[in-house]
Amino acid sequence: MRIEFREPRDIHEMEAIFKLRQEVYSADAVLWKMVDDKAELDINQYDFNANHFGAFNKGELIAAIRFSTAKATHQTESVKKIIKNHQIALQAKSKRFPFENYYPDQAACNNFIQNLAGKNIGEVGKLAIKPEYRKGFELLNQFIEAFIEYARNDLKVDTGLAFALMP
């Protein structure tokens, strides 16, 4: 099995990412609360300002992850088209990053982000792996290694800073 780790190449692969997330999250005993069980796609306001990355086996998406940023990316237009094509209404984005919605101390969040001003940062989340590829950790390890390489080399992300600065 030769897995290809990369960004989605077209709108169909991007849409497959949102479908996979919906399938994985809605079937999970804990994560199902994070998605609308009536929706076809798991897509939210943070997908506009995100880089999406996948693992493909013979062209089939088998894993995906999202890197949320504070601004639009080269993938934003594809996300907008998918939302328009599916007539999805999204809530307005009230925070810069998803973690701010869950971390109880907003002042600490603001301070954390201020300390990183001028850095190319983002939040990694929305990991989804097809169930049949979860046995062992081989795919997960390869996927995370490939994602880190993508973040460093392609996105030029300033990595490793969050661990040192989070209160």
Foldseek 3Di string as FASTA:
>chain_A
DDKDKFFDPALVVVQLLQQLLLVQQCPDPPNVVVADVVDNGNDAPQVLQWTKMFIADVNHTFKIKIWGFQDGDPCNVSSVVVCVVVVPDYDDDPDSAPVCVPDPDNVLVVVLVVVQPPFGGTDMDSIGGHPVPPPDCVVVVVNVVVVVCCCCPVVVGPPDPSVVRRD
